[in-house]
Structures are given as C-alpha cells and as structure tokens.
Amino acid sequence: MARKKQDRKQGQQAAATPATVAAGRAGVAFTTHAYTHDPAAPSYGEEAAEALGLSPEQVFKTLVADVDGTLTVAVVPVSASLDLKALASAAGGKRATMADPAAAERTTGYVRGGISPLGQRKRLPTVLDASASGHATICVSAGRRGLEIELAPDDLAALTGATTAPIARV
C-alpha cells in the first residue's frame, strides 16, 4: 500500500479535513499519514496500523455510542474492544449501546471508518482510553478513510474536552 507522511505545523492544511483544520487552528503539533484505503478491509483501524507500520496499540479508533440517550465518542486502541459498561460509567451514565451508524455519521459529519474525534459537526462528549497516556503520540482518523492524524494524547484530550478513563477491553 502506498504511504505518505506529511508534517503539519500551525496553519498548514494541505490534507485539509475538519479534523486537521481544528488541530491547525489550535496550534498543536501534528503529522498526517495517508495510505491507500482498501474498501474490502475487514477493520479500518487495523488496516491503518498495518499500512502505516505502527503498533495497533498506538492507533486508536473512534466509536460513537449512545450513553443514556446522549451520543458519546469513545477513542480506544484498534487492538482492543470498547467496554460499554466502562464507557457508561466514565461518561456518568448507567447504560451504553453502540450508536446507529447513520446517526453517528449525521451528527459528526464524517462517514463510518473515517469518523475523527476532532472537528466534528457537533461536539460530543468524548472519552479517551487511559492507555493513550502510555504513548508520546497516537494516531486517530483525520476525517476520511486512508488518512490518520498523529498527535500527543494530551493535545487530543484538550482539543476534544475528553475525559480519560480505562474503557478498552483487550
């Protein structure tokens, strides 16, 4: 698979998506990683990790869940599953289920497999898995399939207003 790596500094937005625009406007350091997306790939996150030669523990997927009637974003490593009970607890709710994909796309402004925690149409409550703090940088979707954004976990948490909690299950 073809791979391109582009360093982004404040204000540069060559691979502009709402996610990269949001990171650029905030002035955080980030790098974008582009790769050729295979529509037949069974897992978007695992495909990204493999294409970019990164550990699946460093590449995070963005999932949208419904916590007691409120759409909530969960950001977990692609090597793990989302623990819905832990997410509900971290979000201050009682019960969580995966959101309807159409509702997730409509609310975030992104398509499934390209949902980014950054630059969403409507800012949703966000919970970042605690394992992110074990990495200097992590990758999340940059807003389209085949494009990842790499940034410090603290920057991601600050930009999204995320709570950090152990919500992943290996």
C-alpha atoms as a PDB file:
ATOM      1  CA  MET A   1       0.000   0.000   0.000  1.00  0.00           C
ATOM      2  CA  ALA A   2       1.216   3.479  -0.777  1.00  0.00           C
ATOM      3  CA  ARG A   3       2.106   5.572   2.227  1.00  0.00           C
ATOM      4  CA  LYS A   4       2.723   9.274   2.519  1.00  0.00           C
ATOM      5  CA  LYS A   5       3.783  11.113   5.631  1.00  0.00           C
ATOM      6  CA  GLN A   6       3.363  14.841   5.867  1.00  0.00           C
ATOM      7  CA  ASP A   7       4.494  17.017   8.748  1.00  0.00           C
ATOM      8  CA  ARG A   8       1.992  19.690   9.648  1.00  0.00           C
ATOM      9  CA  LYS A   9       2.787  22.796  11.590  1.00  0.00           C
ATOM     10  CA  GLN A  10       0.473  25.546  12.721  1.00  0.00           C
ATOM     11  CA  GLY A  11      -1.778  26.719   9.937  1.00  0.00           C
ATOM     12  CA  GLN A  12      -0.622  24.257   7.261  1.00  0.00           C
ATOM     13  CA  GLN A  13      -3.553  22.281   5.925  1.00  0.00           C
ATOM     14  CA  ALA A  14      -2.530  20.523   2.692  1.00  0.00           C
ATOM     15  CA  ALA A  15      -4.578  17.436   3.621  1.00  0.00           C
ATOM     16  CA  ALA A  16      -7.347  19.630   4.998  1.00  0.00           C
ATOM     17  CA  THR A  17     -10.275  17.963   6.681  1.00  0.00           C
ATOM     18  CA  PRO A  18     -12.299  19.444   9.538  1.00  0.00           C
ATOM     19  CA  ALA A  19     -10.023  17.433  11.890  1.00  0.00           C
ATOM     20  CA  THR A  20      -6.754  18.815  10.513  1.00  0.00           C
ATOM     21  CA  VAL A  21      -8.206  22.324  10.334  1.00  0.00           C
ATOM     22  CA  ALA A  22      -9.216  22.087  14.020  1.00  0.00           C
ATOM     23  CA  ALA A  23      -5.748  20.884  15.046  1.00  0.00           C
ATOM     24  CA  GLY A  24      -4.070  23.561  12.939  1.00  0.00           C
ATOM     25  CA  ARG A  25      -6.228  26.353  14.351  1.00  0.00           C
ATOM     26  CA  ALA A  26      -5.464  25.169  17.875  1.00  0.00           C
ATOM     27  CA  GLY A  27      -1.756  25.391  17.131  1.00  0.00           C
ATOM     28  CA  VAL A  28      -0.938  21.841  18.194  1.00  0.00           C
ATOM     29  CA  ALA A  29       1.856  19.878  16.550  1.00  0.00           C
ATOM     30  CA  PHE A  30       0.588  17.025  14.419  1.00  0.00           C
ATOM     31  CA  THR A  31       1.515  14.826  11.487  1.00  0.00           C
ATOM     32  CA  THR A  32      -0.830  13.383   8.901  1.00  0.00           C
ATOM     33  CA  HIS A  33      -0.330   9.927   7.454  1.00  0.00           C
ATOM     34  CA  ALA A  34      -2.039   8.996   4.193  1.00  0.00           C
ATOM     35  CA  TYR A  35      -2.365   5.477   2.829  1.00  0.00           C
ATOM     36  CA  THR A  36      -4.361   3.771   0.119  1.00  0.00           C
ATOM     37  CA  HIS A  37      -7.575   2.534   1.702  1.00  0.00           C
ATOM     38  CA  ASP A  38      -8.821  -0.909   0.663  1.00  0.00           C
ATOM     39  CA  PRO A  39     -12.651  -0.948   0.703  1.00  0.00           C
ATOM     40  CA  ALA A  40     -12.538  -4.710   1.335  1.00  0.00           C
ATOM     41  CA  ALA A  41     -10.501  -4.336   4.550  1.00  0.00           C
ATOM     42  CA  PRO A  42     -12.363  -6.008   7.438  1.00  0.00           C
ATOM     43  CA  SER A  43     -11.132  -3.447  10.021  1.00  0.00           C
ATOM     44  CA  TYR A  44     -10.401   0.184   9.187  1.00  0.00           C
ATOM     45  CA  GLY A  45      -8.205   0.650  12.262  1.00  0.00           C
ATOM     46  CA  GLU A  46      -6.138  -2.479  11.790  1.00  0.00           C
ATOM     47  CA  GLU A  47      -5.740  -1.584   8.122  1.00  0.00           C
ATOM     48  CA  ALA A  48      -4.378   1.846   9.124  1.00  0.00           C
ATOM     49  CA  ALA A  49      -1.915   0.377  11.651  1.00  0.00           C
ATOM     50  CA  GLU A  50      -0.628  -2.161   9.142  1.00  0.00           C
ATOM     51  CA  ALA A  51      -0.403   0.306   6.244  1.00  0.00           C
ATOM     52  CA  LEU A  52       1.494   2.813   8.365  1.00  0.00           C
ATOM     53  CA  GLY A  53       3.752   0.243  10.044  1.00  0.00           C
ATOM     54  CA  LEU A  54       2.553   1.280  13.505  1.00  0.00           C
ATOM     55  CA  SER A  55       1.669  -0.770  16.554  1.00  0.00           C
ATOM     56  CA  PRO A  56      -2.101  -1.407  16.845  1.00  0.00           C
ATOM     57  CA  GLU A  57      -1.797  -0.144  20.429  1.00  0.00           C
ATOM     58  CA  GLN A  58      -0.732   3.296  19.115  1.00  0.00           C
ATOM     59  CA  VAL A  59      -3.502   3.619  16.511  1.00  0.00           C
ATOM     60  CA  PHE A  60      -6.886   4.481  18.009  1.00  0.00           C
ATOM     61  CA  LYS A  61     -10.374   4.061  16.581  1.00  0.00           C
ATOM     62  CA  THR A  62     -13.218   6.492  17.115  1.00  0.00           C
ATOM     63  CA  LEU A  63     -16.509   4.881  18.065  1.00  0.00           C
ATOM     64  CA  VAL A  64     -19.819   6.592  18.716  1.00  0.00           C
ATOM     65  CA  ALA A  65     -22.068   5.175  21.417  1.00  0.00           C
ATOM     66  CA  ASP A  66     -25.360   6.158  22.977  1.00  0.00           C
ATOM     67  CA  VAL A  67     -24.988   6.700  26.725  1.00  0.00           C
ATOM     68  CA  ASP A  68     -28.407   7.138  28.304  1.00  0.00           C
ATOM     69  CA  GLY A  69     -29.692   8.942  25.205  1.00  0.00           C
ATOM     70  CA  THR A  70     -26.596  11.086  24.623  1.00  0.00           C
ATOM     71  CA  LEU A  71     -24.272  10.344  21.720  1.00  0.00           C
ATOM     72  CA  THR A  72     -20.775   9.954  23.146  1.00  0.00           C
ATOM     73  CA  VAL A  73     -17.418   9.428  21.442  1.00  0.00           C
ATOM     74  CA  ALA A  74     -15.114   6.650  22.644  1.00  0.00           C
ATOM     75  CA  VAL A  75     -11.482   6.582  21.480  1.00  0.00           C
ATOM     76  CA  VAL A  76      -9.825   3.188  22.018  1.00  0.00           C
ATOM     77  CA  PRO A  77      -6.822   1.319  20.552  1.00  0.00           C
ATOM     78  CA  VAL A  78      -7.591  -0.678  17.404  1.00  0.00           C
ATOM     79  CA  SER A  79      -6.122  -3.704  19.197  1.00  0.00           C
ATOM     80  CA  ALA A  80      -8.932  -3.594  21.779  1.00  0.00           C
ATOM     81  CA  SER A  81     -12.704  -3.535  22.038  1.00  0.00           C
ATOM     82  CA  LEU A  82     -14.843  -0.895  23.685  1.00  0.00           C
ATOM     83  CA  ASP A  83     -16.123  -1.853  27.135  1.00  0.00           C
ATOM     84  CA  LEU A  84     -19.614  -0.327  27.029  1.00  0.00           C
ATOM     85  CA  LYS A  85     -20.127  -0.605  30.803  1.00  0.00           C
ATOM     86  CA  ALA A  86     -16.853   1.206  31.459  1.00  0.00           C
ATOM     87  CA  LEU A  87     -17.792   3.886  28.925  1.00  0.00           C
ATOM     88  CA  ALA A  88     -21.185   4.429  30.554  1.00  0.00           C
ATOM     89  CA  SER A  89     -19.512   4.776  33.952  1.00  0.00           C
ATOM     90  CA  ALA A  90     -16.826   7.158  32.637  1.00  0.00           C
ATOM     91  CA  ALA A  91     -19.492   9.284  30.939  1.00  0.00           C
ATOM     92  CA  GLY A  92     -21.571   9.443  34.114  1.00  0.00           C
ATOM     93  CA  GLY A  93     -24.316   7.221  32.740  1.00  0.00           C
ATOM     94  CA  LYS A  94     -25.874   3.887  33.502  1.00  0.00           C
ATOM     95  CA  ARG A  95     -26.122   2.186  30.113  1.00  0.00           C
ATOM     96  CA  ALA A  96     -24.289   2.437  26.805  1.00  0.00           C
ATOM     97  CA  THR A  97     -25.003   0.877  23.425  1.00  0.00           C
ATOM     98  CA  MET A  98     -23.358   1.417  20.068  1.00  0.00           C
ATOM     99  CA  ALA A  99     -24.978   4.300  18.216  1.00  0.00           C
ATOM    100  CA  ASP A 100     -26.870   3.862  14.997  1.00  0.00           C
ATOM    101  CA  PRO A 101     -24.252   4.348  12.225  1.00  0.00           C
ATOM    102  CA  ALA A 102     -26.473   6.806  10.329  1.00  0.00           C
ATOM    103  CA  ALA A 103     -26.947   8.909  13.475  1.00  0.00           C
ATOM    104  CA  ALA A 104     -23.190   8.846  14.131  1.00  0.00           C
ATOM    105  CA  GLU A 105     -22.446  10.000  10.575  1.00  0.00           C
ATOM    106  CA  ARG A 106     -25.132  12.681  10.613  1.00  0.00           C
ATOM    107  CA  THR A 107     -24.039  14.085  13.975  1.00  0.00           C
ATOM    108  CA  THR A 108     -20.269  14.022  13.428  1.00  0.00           C
ATOM    109  CA  GLY A 109     -20.263  14.960   9.747  1.00  0.00           C
ATOM    110  CA  TYR A 110     -17.949  12.053   8.936  1.00  0.00           C
ATOM    111  CA  VAL A 111     -18.504   8.679   7.261  1.00  0.00           C
ATOM    112  CA  ARG A 112     -18.093   5.403   9.120  1.00  0.00           C
ATOM    113  CA  GLY A 113     -14.456   4.342   9.029  1.00  0.00           C
ATOM    114  CA  GLY A 114     -13.424   7.979   8.816  1.00  0.00           C
ATOM    115  CA  ILE A 115     -15.000   9.423  11.965  1.00  0.00           C
ATOM    116  CA  SER A 116     -12.478  11.605  13.745  1.00  0.00           C
ATOM    117  CA  PRO A 117     -12.749  12.777  17.346  1.00  0.00           C
ATOM    118  CA  LEU A 118     -11.621  16.212  16.037  1.00  0.00           C
ATOM    119  CA  GLY A 119     -13.598  18.738  14.023  1.00  0.00           C
ATOM    120  CA  GLN A 120     -16.980  17.096  14.384  1.00  0.00           C
ATOM    121  CA  ARG A 121     -20.083  18.913  13.163  1.00  0.00           C
ATOM    122  CA  LYS A 122     -21.474  18.779  16.716  1.00  0.00           C
ATOM    123  CA  ARG A 123     -19.053  18.451  19.613  1.00  0.00           C
ATOM    124  CA  LEU A 124     -19.922  15.311  21.522  1.00  0.00           C
ATOM    125  CA  PRO A 125     -18.817  14.207  24.990  1.00  0.00           C
ATOM    126  CA  THR A 126     -15.592  12.256  24.475  1.00  0.00           C
ATOM    127  CA  VAL A 127     -13.807   9.581  26.500  1.00  0.00           C
ATOM    128  CA  LEU A 128     -10.209   8.663  25.621  1.00  0.00           C
ATOM    129  CA  ASP A 129      -8.906   5.302  26.786  1.00  0.00           C
ATOM    130  CA  ALA A 130      -6.329   5.648  29.559  1.00  0.00           C
ATOM    131  CA  SER A 131      -3.798   3.566  27.587  1.00  0.00           C
ATOM    132  CA  ALA A 132      -3.229   6.591  25.324  1.00  0.00           C
ATOM    133  CA  SER A 133      -1.131   8.211  28.044  1.00  0.00           C
ATOM    134  CA  GLY A 134       1.456   5.447  27.604  1.00  0.00           C
ATOM    135  CA  HIS A 135       2.413   6.839  24.172  1.00  0.00           C
ATOM    136  CA  ALA A 136       4.185  10.062  23.217  1.00  0.00           C
ATOM    137  CA  THR A 137       1.822  10.290  20.233  1.00  0.00           C
ATOM    138  CA  ILE A 138      -1.193   8.372  18.984  1.00  0.00           C
ATOM    139  CA  CYS A 139      -2.949   8.205  15.624  1.00  0.00           C
ATOM    140  CA  VAL A 140      -6.677   8.727  15.106  1.00  0.00           C
ATOM    141  CA  SER A 141      -8.694   9.193  11.955  1.00  0.00           C
ATOM    142  CA  ALA A 142      -8.114  12.565  10.333  1.00  0.00           C
ATOM    143  CA  GLY A 143     -11.640  12.605   8.961  1.00  0.00           C
ATOM    144  CA  ARG A 144     -11.581  10.300   5.974  1.00  0.00           C
ATOM    145  CA  ARG A 145     -10.692   6.726   5.202  1.00  0.00           C
ATOM    146  CA  GLY A 146      -6.998   6.466   4.363  1.00  0.00           C
ATOM    147  CA  LEU A 147      -5.897   9.483   6.409  1.00  0.00           C
ATOM    148  CA  GLU A 148      -4.678   9.469  10.013  1.00  0.00           C
ATOM    149  CA  ILE A 149      -3.577  12.325  12.250  1.00  0.00           C
ATOM    150  CA  GLU A 150      -0.799  11.741  14.782  1.00  0.00           C
ATOM    151  CA  LEU A 151      -0.675  13.961  17.851  1.00  0.00           C
ATOM    152  CA  ALA A 152       0.050  13.892  21.575  1.00  0.00           C
ATOM    153  CA  PRO A 153      -2.718  12.282  23.653  1.00  0.00           C
ATOM    154  CA  ASP A 154      -2.850  15.362  25.906  1.00  0.00           C
ATOM    155  CA  ASP A 155      -3.437  17.561  22.856  1.00  0.00           C
ATOM    156  CA  LEU A 156      -6.236  15.284  21.652  1.00  0.00           C
ATOM    157  CA  ALA A 157      -7.845  15.357  25.095  1.00  0.00           C
ATOM    158  CA  ALA A 158      -7.586  19.141  25.275  1.00  0.00           C
ATOM    159  CA  LEU A 159      -8.995  19.690  21.775  1.00  0.00           C
ATOM    160  CA  THR A 160     -11.976  17.397  22.358  1.00  0.00           C
ATOM    161  CA  GLY A 161     -12.566  18.128  26.041  1.00  0.00           C
ATOM    162  CA  ALA A 162     -12.120  14.393  26.612  1.00  0.00           C
ATOM    163  CA  THR A 163     -12.250  12.551  29.879  1.00  0.00           C
ATOM    164  CA  THR A 164      -9.552   9.891  30.198  1.00  0.00           C
ATOM    165  CA  ALA A 165     -10.633   6.523  31.614  1.00  0.00           C
ATOM    166  CA  PRO A 166      -9.954   2.808  31.138  1.00  0.00           C
ATOM    167  CA  ILE A 167     -12.685   1.990  28.579  1.00  0.00           C
ATOM    168  CA  ALA A 168     -10.872  -0.568  26.396  1.00  0.00           C
ATOM    169  CA  ARG A 169     -11.089  -4.328  26.779  1.00  0.00           C
ATOM    170  CA  VAL A 170      -8.311  -6.444  25.259  1.00  0.00           C
END
